[in-house]
Amino acid sequence: MTRPRVSVRAFVVGALLVALVLAGLVSAEASSAPDGLERVAIDEGFEDAAEDHALGELPTADYGIRGVDDERLSVGLAGALGVAVTFAATGGLLLVLRRRAGTERPA
């Protein structure tokens, strides 16, 4: 029995869609709890010693999109934006590397 072959393009598009759905829908649930470093700071009692990050004023700082009042939507949009930016940067890097190597695109 032969397994159906999935093209690289179909796999990448499917993986991107899954990542966008997870980032957009599941990230709101995940971000409601403190992350690992924040949890340790709370447990050890030094969370008040934290200082704002130099990039803390960016529109996407603190797991959300500044200006979007609905917290779930804000966090979901930030997650989806993060996936899109990561995908674009990775895709661009792969294109540059492939052109440098002079290899052909796989089917």
Foldseek 3Di string as FASTA:
>chain_A
DDDDDDFPVNVVVVVLVVQLCCQQQVQLVVLVDDDDVCVVCVVVVNNVVDDADPCCPDQCHPQFGPPDPPSSRGNSVSSNVVSVVVVVVVVVVVVVVCVVVVDDDGD
